[in-house]
Structures are given as structure tokens and as C-alpha cells.
C-alpha atoms as a PDB file:
ATOM      1  CA  MET A   1      20.114  46.010 -12.108  1.00  0.00           C
ATOM      2  CA  ASN A   2      18.628  48.364  -9.372  1.00  0.00           C
ATOM      3  CA  ASP A   3      20.711  49.592  -6.161  1.00  0.00           C
ATOM      4  CA  PRO A   4      19.559  46.851  -2.891  1.00  0.00           C
ATOM      5  CA  THR A   5      20.404  49.537  -0.403  1.00  0.00           C
ATOM      6  CA  GLU A   6      17.225  51.676  -1.941  1.00  0.00           C
ATOM      7  CA  ASP A   7      14.973  48.485  -2.436  1.00  0.00           C
ATOM      8  CA  GLN A   8      11.334  49.639  -1.673  1.00  0.00           C
ATOM      9  CA  ILE A   9       8.337  47.012  -0.653  1.00  0.00           C
ATOM     10  CA  ILE A  10       5.512  48.069  -2.697  1.00  0.00           C
ATOM     11  CA  LEU A  11       1.726  46.730  -1.734  1.00  0.00           C
ATOM     12  CA  ALA A  12      -0.908  45.274  -4.217  1.00  0.00           C
ATOM     13  CA  PRO A  13      -2.267  48.448  -6.167  1.00  0.00           C
ATOM     14  CA  GLU A  14       1.368  49.496  -6.882  1.00  0.00           C
ATOM     15  CA  LEU A  15       1.612  45.993  -7.913  1.00  0.00           C
ATOM     16  CA  LYS A  16      -1.501  45.924 -10.086  1.00  0.00           C
ATOM     17  CA  GLU A  17      -0.299  49.056 -11.799  1.00  0.00           C
ATOM     18  CA  ARG A  18       3.115  47.864 -12.929  1.00  0.00           C
ATOM     19  CA  VAL A  19       2.096  43.959 -13.659  1.00  0.00           C
ATOM     20  CA  PRO A  20      -1.025  43.757 -15.091  1.00  0.00           C
ATOM     21  CA  TYR A  21      -2.346  40.144 -13.605  1.00  0.00           C
ATOM     22  CA  SER A  22      -4.972  39.378 -11.033  1.00  0.00           C
ATOM     23  CA  PRO A  23      -4.018  38.810  -7.904  1.00  0.00           C
ATOM     24  CA  MET A  24      -4.880  34.494  -8.742  1.00  0.00           C
ATOM     25  CA  GLN A  25      -2.584  34.809 -11.777  1.00  0.00           C
ATOM     26  CA  ILE A  26       0.297  36.719  -9.604  1.00  0.00           C
ATOM     27  CA  TRP A  27       0.241  34.028  -6.923  1.00  0.00           C
ATOM     28  CA  ARG A  28      -0.091  31.303  -9.366  1.00  0.00           C
ATOM     29  CA  LYS A  29       3.592  32.309 -10.972  1.00  0.00           C
ATOM     30  CA  GLU A  30       4.693  33.030  -7.237  1.00  0.00           C
ATOM     31  CA  ARG A  31       4.023  29.647  -6.559  1.00  0.00           C
ATOM     32  CA  ASP A  32       5.644  27.975  -9.946  1.00  0.00           C
ATOM     33  CA  GLY A  33       8.722  30.418  -8.967  1.00  0.00           C
ATOM     34  CA  SER A  34       8.200  32.535 -12.358  1.00  0.00           C
ATOM     35  CA  PHE A  35       7.436  35.787 -10.407  1.00  0.00           C
ATOM     36  CA  PRO A  36       9.231  37.284  -7.397  1.00  0.00           C
ATOM     37  CA  LYS A  37       7.818  36.137  -3.871  1.00  0.00           C
ATOM     38  CA  ARG A  38       6.018  38.524  -1.373  1.00  0.00           C
ATOM     39  CA  ILE A  39       7.340  39.708   1.706  1.00  0.00           C
ATOM     40  CA  ARG A  40       5.339  39.383   4.831  1.00  0.00           C
ATOM     41  CA  LEU A  41       4.809  42.247   6.603  1.00  0.00           C
ATOM     42  CA  GLY A  42       2.045  41.437   9.274  1.00  0.00           C
ATOM     43  CA  ALA A  43      -0.591  39.269   9.803  1.00  0.00           C
ATOM     44  CA  ASN A  44      -3.005  40.571   6.497  1.00  0.00           C
ATOM     45  CA  ARG A  45      -0.092  42.474   4.730  1.00  0.00           C
ATOM     46  CA  VAL A  46       1.873  41.555   2.388  1.00  0.00           C
ATOM     47  CA  GLY A  47       4.148  43.638  -0.550  1.00  0.00           C
ATOM     48  CA  TRP A  48       6.882  42.546  -3.252  1.00  0.00           C
ATOM     49  CA  SER A  49      10.169  43.999  -3.470  1.00  0.00           C
ATOM     50  CA  LEU A  50      10.241  46.690  -6.066  1.00  0.00           C
ATOM     51  CA  ASN A  51      13.815  46.010  -7.512  1.00  0.00           C
ATOM     52  CA  GLU A  52      12.766  42.415  -7.867  1.00  0.00           C
ATOM     53  CA  VAL A  53       9.744  42.784  -9.652  1.00  0.00           C
ATOM     54  CA  LEU A  54      11.134  45.186 -12.057  1.00  0.00           C
ATOM     55  CA  GLN A  55      13.919  43.185 -12.767  1.00  0.00           C
ATOM     56  CA  TRP A  56      11.356  40.177 -13.672  1.00  0.00           C
ATOM     57  CA  ILE A  57       9.730  43.399 -15.986  1.00  0.00           C
ATOM     58  CA  GLU A  58      13.300  44.060 -17.425  1.00  0.00           C
ATOM     59  CA  ASP A  59      13.568  39.959 -18.038  1.00  0.00           C
ATOM     60  CA  ARG A  60      10.800  39.980 -19.765  1.00  0.00           C
ATOM     61  CA  LYS A  61      12.083  42.766 -21.863  1.00  0.00           C
ATOM     62  CA  ALA A  62      14.599  40.242 -22.545  1.00  0.00           C
ATOM     63  CA  GLU A  63      12.970  37.459 -23.345  1.00  0.00           C
ATOM     64  CA  ARG A  64      11.540  39.205 -26.724  1.00  0.00           C
ATOM     65  CA  PHE A  65      14.846  39.428 -28.097  1.00  0.00           C
ATOM     66  CA  ALA A  66      16.719  36.042 -26.949  1.00  0.00           C
ATOM     67  CA  ALA A  67      13.879  34.028 -28.919  1.00  0.00           C
END
């Protein structure tokens, strides 16, 4: 796992590069608990923990071998 002291907040454009889901798909997955929740940065700005997103990706990769 990544070092939490070096975590960064990524914005939607970078999230889109890493996770090929639409904003609505991301929102639905956040709501049902199957994707890391966004971090409110201001009234009109949100971001995601890079470490949490990378861990989510690694978990998806690991599921390939668990089935």
C-alpha cells in the first residue's frame, strides 16, 4: 500500500485518466460504497485520495485471481 504521509488529492480530470468511468458511474459507486468517497475541498470543488484510488485499482486487479 502507498505511504499515507505522501497521499495527494487528485481532481476529476486525473481520476478520469486512471478510472475510465463516467462521473455518474463514480457517484453511484461512491454512494453504494464500492469506490472511495470524494473529499470536499470547497463549495464547488471535490477531489479523491490518490492512495485510496490506487488501492481500489489494486483490489480490482486482485479480484481477477480470487475468482
